[in-house]
Amino acid sequence: MPIYKVKRIYDPINKLDGFRVLVDRLWPRGFKKEDGRLDLWFKEIAPSSTLRKWFDHEDEKWEIFKNRYLTELVENKKKVDEFVDLLKPHKIVTLLYAAHNKEHNHAEVLKIYLETEN
């Protein structure tokens, strides 16, 4: 099982990032593919558009968002399993996201899910 890290896509690249995976449904604003090394974009693992828009990165909605996203991951088992299979060969995987909030973002929830459910 890989070691999972979480990082904003806009943060500087580090050689310790390992395999870098963008886990956002939408391509990050102002980010050009040549701006940073990206090994994979797996948007199918991101929260649904409905959930993402509802959450709108409002801290008071965090716990509800987290639970709803975990439910979506369970319901999306086929894509989650596909994602996990792609990550298996890598020792370190960095889950990249574009949101400003470094504590309350879906990549943090995904990391917890991957570490506990797989």
N, C-alpha and C. Protein backbone atom coordinates (compact mmCIF):
# COMPACT_ATOMS: atom_id res chain seq x y z
N MET A 1 0.85 -1.18 0.00
CA MET A 1 0.00 0.00 0.00
C MET A 1 0.89 1.25 0.00
N PRO A 2 0.57 2.19 -0.85
CA PRO A 2 1.38 3.42 -0.89
C PRO A 2 1.21 4.27 0.37
N ILE A 3 2.15 5.14 0.57
CA ILE A 3 2.02 6.20 1.56
C ILE A 3 1.34 7.35 0.84
N TYR A 4 0.24 7.85 1.41
CA TYR A 4 -0.52 8.92 0.77
C TYR A 4 -0.20 10.27 1.41
N LYS A 5 -0.02 11.26 0.55
CA LYS A 5 0.18 12.64 0.97
C LYS A 5 -0.90 13.48 0.29
N VAL A 6 -1.15 14.66 0.83
CA VAL A 6 -2.12 15.59 0.25
C VAL A 6 -1.43 16.93 0.08
N LYS A 7 -1.69 17.57 -1.08
CA LYS A 7 -0.99 18.82 -1.37
C LYS A 7 -1.79 19.62 -2.39
N ARG A 8 -1.74 20.94 -2.25
CA ARG A 8 -2.34 21.80 -3.28
C ARG A 8 -1.53 21.70 -4.56
N ILE A 9 -2.19 21.67 -5.67
CA ILE A 9 -1.50 21.56 -6.95
C ILE A 9 -0.62 22.77 -7.22
N TYR A 10 -0.95 23.90 -6.59
CA TYR A 10 -0.18 25.14 -6.80
C TYR A 10 1.09 25.19 -5.95
N ASP A 11 1.22 24.29 -4.97
CA ASP A 11 2.41 24.28 -4.12
C ASP A 11 3.62 23.78 -4.92
N PRO A 12 4.82 24.18 -4.51
CA PRO A 12 6.02 23.75 -5.23
C PRO A 12 6.14 22.22 -5.29
N ILE A 13 6.65 21.77 -6.39
CA ILE A 13 6.89 20.34 -6.56
C ILE A 13 8.09 19.93 -5.72
N ASN A 14 7.99 18.76 -5.13
CA ASN A 14 9.06 18.22 -4.31
C ASN A 14 9.37 16.82 -4.83
N LYS A 15 10.63 16.46 -4.87
CA LYS A 15 10.98 15.12 -5.37
C LYS A 15 10.41 14.01 -4.48
N LEU A 16 10.02 14.37 -3.26
CA LEU A 16 9.43 13.39 -2.34
C LEU A 16 7.92 13.22 -2.54
N ASP A 17 7.36 13.94 -3.53
CA ASP A 17 5.93 13.82 -3.82
C ASP A 17 5.58 12.44 -4.37
N GLY A 18 6.52 11.79 -4.99
CA GLY A 18 6.23 10.50 -5.60
C GLY A 18 5.30 10.66 -6.80
N PHE A 19 4.33 9.78 -6.89
CA PHE A 19 3.35 9.77 -7.99
C PHE A 19 2.31 10.85 -7.70
N ARG A 20 2.19 11.83 -8.58
CA ARG A 20 1.33 13.00 -8.36
C ARG A 20 0.02 12.84 -9.11
N VAL A 21 -1.09 12.83 -8.35
CA VAL A 21 -2.41 12.59 -8.94
C VAL A 21 -3.36 13.74 -8.62
N LEU A 22 -3.88 14.37 -9.65
CA LEU A 22 -4.91 15.39 -9.47
C LEU A 22 -6.24 14.68 -9.25
N VAL A 23 -6.91 14.98 -8.14
CA VAL A 23 -8.16 14.30 -7.80
C VAL A 23 -9.35 15.26 -7.80
N ASP A 24 -9.24 16.35 -8.56
CA ASP A 24 -10.34 17.31 -8.72
C ASP A 24 -11.15 16.95 -9.96
N ARG A 25 -12.43 17.24 -9.89
CA ARG A 25 -13.31 17.00 -11.04
C ARG A 25 -13.05 18.03 -12.16
N LEU A 26 -12.70 19.25 -11.76
CA LEU A 26 -12.44 20.32 -12.72
C LEU A 26 -10.95 20.62 -12.78
N TRP A 27 -10.48 21.02 -13.96
CA TRP A 27 -9.08 21.40 -14.09
C TRP A 27 -8.85 22.70 -13.30
N PRO A 28 -7.77 22.80 -12.53
CA PRO A 28 -7.51 23.98 -11.69
C PRO A 28 -7.34 25.26 -12.51
N ARG A 29 -7.96 26.32 -12.04
CA ARG A 29 -7.86 27.62 -12.70
C ARG A 29 -6.41 28.10 -12.75
N GLY A 30 -6.04 28.59 -13.92
CA GLY A 30 -4.72 29.18 -14.07
C GLY A 30 -3.57 28.20 -14.07
N PHE A 31 -3.86 26.92 -13.96
CA PHE A 31 -2.79 25.92 -13.91
C PHE A 31 -2.61 25.33 -15.31
N LYS A 32 -1.39 25.41 -15.78
CA LYS A 32 -1.06 24.86 -17.09
C LYS A 32 -0.35 23.53 -16.90
N LYS A 33 -0.62 22.59 -17.77
CA LYS A 33 0.00 21.27 -17.64
C LYS A 33 1.52 21.35 -17.53
N GLU A 34 2.11 22.30 -18.22
CA GLU A 34 3.57 22.43 -18.17
C GLU A 34 4.07 23.09 -16.89
N ASP A 35 3.15 23.62 -16.05
CA ASP A 35 3.54 24.28 -14.80
C ASP A 35 4.03 23.31 -13.73
N GLY A 36 3.63 22.08 -13.83
CA GLY A 36 4.04 21.14 -12.80
C GLY A 36 3.88 19.71 -13.26
N ARG A 37 4.67 18.88 -12.71
CA ARG A 37 4.62 17.47 -13.08
C ARG A 37 3.34 16.85 -12.52
N LEU A 38 2.60 16.25 -13.41
CA LEU A 38 1.36 15.59 -13.04
C LEU A 38 1.37 14.22 -13.71
N ASP A 39 1.27 13.18 -12.91
CA ASP A 39 1.33 11.83 -13.45
C ASP A 39 -0.02 11.30 -13.89
N LEU A 40 -1.08 11.80 -13.26
CA LEU A 40 -2.41 11.29 -13.55
C LEU A 40 -3.45 12.31 -13.11
N TRP A 41 -4.51 12.42 -13.88
CA TRP A 41 -5.69 13.18 -13.48
C TRP A 41 -6.82 12.17 -13.43
N PHE A 42 -7.35 11.91 -12.24
CA PHE A 42 -8.41 10.93 -12.06
C PHE A 42 -9.62 11.64 -11.47
N LYS A 43 -10.35 12.33 -12.33
CA LYS A 43 -11.47 13.16 -11.87
C LYS A 43 -12.66 12.34 -11.39
N GLU A 44 -12.73 11.07 -11.80
CA GLU A 44 -13.86 10.22 -11.42
C GLU A 44 -13.90 9.92 -9.92
N ILE A 45 -12.81 10.19 -9.22
CA ILE A 45 -12.73 9.92 -7.79
C ILE A 45 -13.14 11.14 -6.95
N ALA A 46 -13.33 12.27 -7.60
CA ALA A 46 -13.69 13.53 -6.92
C ALA A 46 -15.15 13.51 -6.49
N PRO A 47 -15.52 14.38 -5.56
CA PRO A 47 -16.93 14.48 -5.17
C PRO A 47 -17.79 14.85 -6.39
N SER A 48 -19.03 14.45 -6.35
CA SER A 48 -19.96 14.80 -7.43
C SER A 48 -20.06 16.32 -7.54
N SER A 49 -20.44 16.78 -8.70
CA SER A 49 -20.61 18.22 -8.90
C SER A 49 -21.64 18.79 -7.94
N THR A 50 -22.71 18.04 -7.70
CA THR A 50 -23.76 18.49 -6.79
C THR A 50 -23.20 18.68 -5.38
N LEU A 51 -22.44 17.71 -4.90
CA LEU A 51 -21.88 17.79 -3.55
C LEU A 51 -20.84 18.90 -3.47
N ARG A 52 -19.99 19.01 -4.47
CA ARG A 52 -18.96 20.04 -4.49
C ARG A 52 -19.58 21.44 -4.44
N LYS A 53 -20.61 21.65 -5.25
CA LYS A 53 -21.26 22.97 -5.27
C LYS A 53 -21.97 23.26 -3.95
N TRP A 54 -22.60 22.24 -3.36
CA TRP A 54 -23.29 22.43 -2.08
C TRP A 54 -22.29 22.82 -0.98
N PHE A 55 -21.17 22.10 -0.91
CA PHE A 55 -20.16 22.34 0.12
C PHE A 55 -19.57 23.74 -0.01
N ASP A 56 -19.16 24.11 -1.19
CA ASP A 56 -18.62 25.44 -1.48
C ASP A 56 -17.52 25.84 -0.49
N HIS A 57 -16.82 24.86 0.06
CA HIS A 57 -15.70 25.06 0.98
C HIS A 57 -16.08 25.90 2.21
N GLU A 58 -17.30 25.71 2.67
CA GLU A 58 -17.76 26.39 3.89
C GLU A 58 -17.48 25.49 5.09
N ASP A 59 -16.61 25.96 5.98
CA ASP A 59 -16.16 25.14 7.10
C ASP A 59 -17.29 24.57 7.94
N GLU A 60 -18.37 25.31 8.09
CA GLU A 60 -19.48 24.81 8.93
C GLU A 60 -20.18 23.60 8.30
N LYS A 61 -19.96 23.35 7.03
CA LYS A 61 -20.55 22.19 6.34
C LYS A 61 -19.58 21.00 6.29
N TRP A 62 -18.42 21.15 6.85
CA TRP A 62 -17.35 20.17 6.70
C TRP A 62 -17.77 18.75 7.09
N GLU A 63 -18.29 18.57 8.28
CA GLU A 63 -18.62 17.21 8.76
C GLU A 63 -19.66 16.54 7.87
N ILE A 64 -20.67 17.29 7.46
CA ILE A 64 -21.70 16.74 6.57
C ILE A 64 -21.08 16.41 5.22
N PHE A 65 -20.27 17.32 4.70
CA PHE A 65 -19.59 17.07 3.42
C PHE A 65 -18.75 15.80 3.49
N LYS A 66 -17.96 15.70 4.53
CA LYS A 66 -17.07 14.55 4.70
C LYS A 66 -17.87 13.24 4.67
N ASN A 67 -18.96 13.19 5.41
CA ASN A 67 -19.79 11.98 5.44
C ASN A 67 -20.44 11.69 4.09
N ARG A 68 -20.91 12.72 3.42
CA ARG A 68 -21.53 12.52 2.11
C ARG A 68 -20.51 12.07 1.07
N TYR A 69 -19.31 12.62 1.13
CA TYR A 69 -18.27 12.21 0.18
C TYR A 69 -17.84 10.78 0.45
N LEU A 70 -17.71 10.40 1.71
CA LEU A 70 -17.39 9.01 2.03
C LEU A 70 -18.45 8.06 1.48
N THR A 71 -19.71 8.47 1.59
CA THR A 71 -20.80 7.67 1.03
C THR A 71 -20.66 7.55 -0.49
N GLU A 72 -20.32 8.65 -1.14
CA GLU A 72 -20.12 8.61 -2.59
C GLU A 72 -18.98 7.66 -2.96
N LEU A 73 -17.93 7.66 -2.19
CA LEU A 73 -16.81 6.76 -2.47
C LEU A 73 -17.23 5.30 -2.35
N VAL A 74 -18.00 4.99 -1.33
CA VAL A 74 -18.50 3.62 -1.15
C VAL A 74 -19.40 3.23 -2.33
N GLU A 75 -20.26 4.15 -2.73
CA GLU A 75 -21.18 3.88 -3.84
C GLU A 75 -20.47 3.82 -5.19
N ASN A 76 -19.27 4.38 -5.27
CA ASN A 76 -18.49 4.42 -6.50
C ASN A 76 -17.35 3.40 -6.46
N LYS A 77 -17.61 2.27 -5.83
CA LYS A 77 -16.59 1.26 -5.56
C LYS A 77 -15.81 0.84 -6.81
N LYS A 78 -16.47 0.71 -7.93
CA LYS A 78 -15.80 0.27 -9.15
C LYS A 78 -14.68 1.25 -9.55
N LYS A 79 -14.98 2.54 -9.54
CA LYS A 79 -13.98 3.55 -9.88
C LYS A 79 -12.90 3.66 -8.80
N VAL A 80 -13.30 3.52 -7.54
CA VAL A 80 -12.32 3.56 -6.45
C VAL A 80 -11.35 2.40 -6.59
N ASP A 81 -11.86 1.21 -6.88
CA ASP A 81 -10.99 0.04 -7.06
C ASP A 81 -10.05 0.24 -8.24
N GLU A 82 -10.55 0.83 -9.32
CA GLU A 82 -9.71 1.12 -10.48
C GLU A 82 -8.59 2.10 -10.09
N PHE A 83 -8.95 3.10 -9.32
CA PHE A 83 -7.99 4.10 -8.85
C PHE A 83 -6.93 3.43 -7.98
N VAL A 84 -7.35 2.63 -7.03
CA VAL A 84 -6.43 1.94 -6.13
C VAL A 84 -5.47 1.05 -6.91
N ASP A 85 -5.98 0.35 -7.92
CA ASP A 85 -5.12 -0.51 -8.74
C ASP A 85 -4.04 0.30 -9.46
N LEU A 86 -4.39 1.49 -9.93
CA LEU A 86 -3.41 2.34 -10.60
C LEU A 86 -2.31 2.82 -9.65
N LEU A 87 -2.65 2.94 -8.37
CA LEU A 87 -1.70 3.47 -7.38
C LEU A 87 -0.81 2.40 -6.77
N LYS A 88 -1.21 1.15 -6.85
CA LYS A 88 -0.49 0.06 -6.17
C LYS A 88 1.01 0.01 -6.46
N PRO A 89 1.46 0.23 -7.69
CA PRO A 89 2.91 0.11 -7.95
C PRO A 89 3.75 1.23 -7.32
N HIS A 90 3.13 2.24 -6.78
CA HIS A 90 3.86 3.41 -6.30
C HIS A 90 4.02 3.41 -4.78
N LYS A 91 5.21 3.78 -4.32
CA LYS A 91 5.47 3.81 -2.88
C LYS A 91 4.86 5.04 -2.22
N ILE A 92 4.93 6.18 -2.92
CA ILE A 92 4.39 7.43 -2.39
C ILE A 92 3.45 8.00 -3.44
N VAL A 93 2.26 8.38 -3.00
CA VAL A 93 1.26 8.99 -3.88
C VAL A 93 0.83 10.30 -3.25
N THR A 94 0.93 11.38 -4.02
CA THR A 94 0.46 12.67 -3.54
C THR A 94 -0.85 13.01 -4.25
N LEU A 95 -1.90 13.17 -3.44
CA LEU A 95 -3.22 13.54 -3.94
C LEU A 95 -3.27 15.05 -4.05
N LEU A 96 -3.45 15.55 -5.25
CA LEU A 96 -3.41 16.99 -5.51
C LEU A 96 -4.82 17.56 -5.66
N TYR A 97 -5.03 18.74 -5.11
CA TYR A 97 -6.31 19.43 -5.18
C TYR A 97 -6.05 20.92 -5.38
N ALA A 98 -7.07 21.66 -5.78
CA ALA A 98 -6.89 23.09 -6.05
C ALA A 98 -7.49 24.01 -4.99
N ALA A 99 -8.35 23.51 -4.14
CA ALA A 99 -9.03 24.35 -3.15
C ALA A 99 -8.04 25.12 -2.27
N HIS A 100 -8.48 26.27 -1.77
CA HIS A 100 -7.63 27.10 -0.91
C HIS A 100 -7.48 26.51 0.50
N ASN A 101 -8.52 25.86 0.98
CA ASN A 101 -8.55 25.35 2.35
C ASN A 101 -7.70 24.09 2.46
N LYS A 102 -6.62 24.17 3.21
CA LYS A 102 -5.70 23.04 3.33
C LYS A 102 -6.16 22.00 4.36
N GLU A 103 -7.15 22.33 5.16
CA GLU A 103 -7.65 21.38 6.15
C GLU A 103 -8.95 20.72 5.71
N HIS A 104 -9.84 21.50 5.13
CA HIS A 104 -11.17 21.02 4.77
C HIS A 104 -11.31 20.94 3.25
N ASN A 105 -10.79 19.85 2.70
CA ASN A 105 -10.90 19.62 1.26
C ASN A 105 -11.09 18.13 1.01
N HIS A 106 -11.61 17.81 -0.13
CA HIS A 106 -11.95 16.41 -0.42
C HIS A 106 -10.73 15.49 -0.49
N ALA A 107 -9.56 16.01 -0.83
CA ALA A 107 -8.37 15.16 -0.90
C ALA A 107 -8.02 14.60 0.48
N GLU A 108 -8.26 15.38 1.53
CA GLU A 108 -8.02 14.89 2.90
C GLU A 108 -8.97 13.73 3.22
N VAL A 109 -10.22 13.84 2.80
CA VAL A 109 -11.19 12.77 3.02
C VAL A 109 -10.79 11.53 2.21
N LEU A 110 -10.40 11.74 0.97
CA LEU A 110 -9.98 10.63 0.12
C LEU A 110 -8.78 9.91 0.72
N LYS A 111 -7.84 10.65 1.24
CA LYS A 111 -6.66 10.05 1.88
C LYS A 111 -7.07 9.14 3.03
N ILE A 112 -7.95 9.64 3.89
CA ILE A 112 -8.43 8.84 5.03
C ILE A 112 -9.12 7.58 4.52
N TYR A 113 -9.95 7.73 3.51
CA TYR A 113 -10.66 6.58 2.95
C TYR A 113 -9.68 5.54 2.40
N LEU A 114 -8.72 5.99 1.62
CA LEU A 114 -7.75 5.06 1.02
C LEU A 114 -6.92 4.35 2.08
N GLU A 115 -6.59 5.05 3.15
CA GLU A 115 -5.77 4.45 4.21
C GLU A 115 -6.55 3.47 5.07
N THR A 116 -7.85 3.64 5.18
CA THR A 116 -8.63 2.79 6.07
C THR A 116 -9.45 1.73 5.37
N GLU A 117 -9.84 1.97 4.13
CA GLU A 117 -10.73 1.04 3.43
C GLU A 117 -10.02 0.13 2.44
N ASN A 118 -8.78 0.42 2.12
CA ASN A 118 -8.10 -0.38 1.10
C ASN A 118 -6.78 -0.94 1.60
